[in-house]
Protein backbone atom coordinates (compact mmCIF):
# COMPACT_ATOMS: atom_id res chain seq x y z
CA MET A 1 -12.95 37.38 29.68
CA ALA A 2 -10.30 36.13 31.68
CA VAL A 3 -11.68 32.48 30.96
CA LEU A 4 -11.59 33.07 27.32
CA LEU A 5 -7.92 34.01 27.58
CA LEU A 6 -7.38 30.83 29.42
CA LEU A 7 -8.80 28.69 26.94
CA ALA A 8 -6.91 30.39 23.95
CA ALA A 9 -3.67 29.88 25.78
CA CYS A 10 -4.14 26.11 26.45
CA GLN A 11 -4.83 25.31 22.92
CA ARG A 12 -2.35 23.07 21.41
CA LYS A 13 -0.29 24.59 18.54
CA PRO A 14 1.23 22.15 15.89
CA ASN A 15 4.92 21.90 15.87
CA GLY A 16 6.19 23.40 12.65
CA PRO A 17 4.06 24.13 9.76
CA VAL A 18 0.78 22.02 8.64
CA LYS A 19 0.92 20.23 5.55
CA MET A 20 -2.16 19.79 3.61
CA LEU A 21 -2.55 17.19 1.01
CA ILE A 22 -5.55 18.23 -1.16
CA GLY A 23 -7.34 16.69 -3.92
CA GLY A 24 -6.23 13.12 -4.06
CA THR A 25 -8.11 9.86 -3.57
CA THR A 26 -7.22 8.64 -0.41
CA ILE A 27 -7.59 5.05 0.86
CA VAL A 28 -7.27 5.13 4.58
CA SER A 29 -7.10 1.53 5.40
CA GLU A 30 -6.87 -1.73 3.63
CA GLY A 31 -10.36 -2.77 2.35
CA ALA A 32 -11.77 0.93 3.09
CA ALA A 33 -13.83 2.71 0.38
CA PRO A 34 -11.83 5.36 -1.51
CA VAL A 35 -12.24 9.31 -0.40
CA GLU A 36 -12.30 11.17 -3.47
CA ASP A 37 -11.02 14.88 -3.32
CA SER A 38 -9.66 14.22 -0.01
CA ILE A 39 -7.69 16.70 2.22
CA ILE A 40 -5.26 15.58 4.91
CA LEU A 41 -3.58 17.62 7.18
CA ILE A 42 -0.54 16.76 8.91
CA ALA A 43 1.00 18.63 12.00
CA GLY A 44 4.45 17.58 12.80
CA ASN A 45 4.49 13.85 12.46
CA LYS A 46 0.65 13.00 13.08
CA ILE A 47 -2.23 13.32 10.93
CA GLN A 48 -4.50 16.14 12.36
CA ALA A 49 -7.37 15.46 10.11
CA VAL A 50 -8.51 13.53 6.98
CA GLY A 51 -11.82 13.69 5.07
CA THR A 52 -13.37 15.41 1.95
CA ARG A 53 -13.05 19.13 1.19
CA ASN A 54 -16.63 19.42 2.73
CA ASP A 55 -15.64 17.52 5.76
CA VAL A 56 -12.41 19.06 7.04
CA GLU A 57 -11.77 22.82 8.08
CA ILE A 58 -8.73 24.16 6.33
CA PRO A 59 -6.37 26.25 8.50
CA LYS A 60 -5.20 29.61 6.86
CA ALA A 61 -1.41 28.84 7.16
CA THR A 62 -0.56 25.47 5.52
CA ASP A 63 2.00 24.11 3.27
CA ARG A 64 -0.50 22.77 0.43
CA THR A 65 0.31 20.05 -2.09
CA ASP A 66 -2.20 19.49 -4.79
CA LEU A 67 -2.61 15.64 -5.33
CA THR A 68 -5.61 15.99 -7.94
CA GLY A 69 -5.26 12.54 -9.99
CA GLU A 70 -3.11 10.83 -7.55
CA TRP A 71 -3.88 8.28 -4.97
CA ILE A 72 -2.70 8.40 -1.12
CA VAL A 73 -2.48 4.90 0.65
CA PRO A 74 -1.21 4.08 4.09
CA ALA A 75 2.42 2.79 4.29
CA ALA A 76 2.66 -0.86 5.51
CA GLY A 77 1.01 -1.31 8.99
CA ALA A 78 -0.21 2.02 8.93
CA THR A 79 -3.78 3.93 8.97
CA ILE A 80 -4.46 7.37 7.58
CA ALA A 81 -6.60 8.78 10.55
CA ALA A 82 -6.41 11.63 12.85
CA GLY A 83 -4.02 10.94 15.96
CA GLU A 84 -2.00 8.44 13.79
CA ARG A 85 1.48 9.05 12.66
CA ALA A 86 1.81 10.19 9.17
CA ASN A 87 3.21 7.45 6.95
CA LEU A 88 1.90 7.89 3.55
CA ILE A 89 2.45 6.55 0.18
CA ILE A 90 1.61 8.73 -2.96
CA LEU A 91 0.81 6.79 -6.38
CA LYS A 92 -0.18 8.12 -9.93
CA HIS A 93 -2.46 4.97 -10.37
CA VAL A 94 -5.21 3.11 -8.58
CA PRO A 95 -3.39 0.86 -5.78
CA ASN A 96 -2.98 -2.79 -6.82
CA GLY A 97 -0.68 -3.79 -3.76
CA ASN A 98 2.30 -2.69 -5.63
CA THR A 99 3.67 0.58 -4.19
CA SER A 100 7.44 0.18 -5.43
CA ASP A 101 6.76 2.57 -8.02
CA ALA A 102 5.57 5.57 -5.47
CA THR A 103 6.14 8.92 -6.55
CA ALA A 104 6.38 10.32 -3.05
CA MET A 105 5.97 9.13 0.59
CA ILE A 106 5.52 10.75 3.86
CA VAL A 107 7.40 9.06 6.58
CA ASP A 108 6.88 10.48 10.18
CA GLY A 109 5.33 13.56 8.46
CA GLU A 110 8.15 14.49 6.47
CA TRP A 111 8.31 14.21 2.55
CA LYS A 112 10.66 11.35 1.10
CA LEU A 113 11.23 10.39 -2.34
CA PRO A 114 11.53 6.89 -2.99
CA GLY A 115 14.99 5.46 -3.08
CA LYS A 116 16.32 8.55 -1.20
CA PRO A 117 17.36 8.21 2.58
């Protein structure tokens, strides 16, 4: 029993709320195949998990954002993978190399609107 309590106390808790991006099509890196109906979990400024709905365990307490019909791509120089910094771009269209028309971004784990500091 004491071992179980010790293990529970040692588990890392995310800093702040966990963001969950759900339903979008994610391209995790340049040239990678799209992951349809994806889930991305972000805790603090790090990606905690990425995959399909069937592959990612969904925590109960999350700030959920439905991105169904949208595309999620990594920012320049970034990769969308567990343990990586959360730097993502949200698009309303299939990625074509132009991200200047992004609808939103996540920079170091925080939502940003294009053109806003």
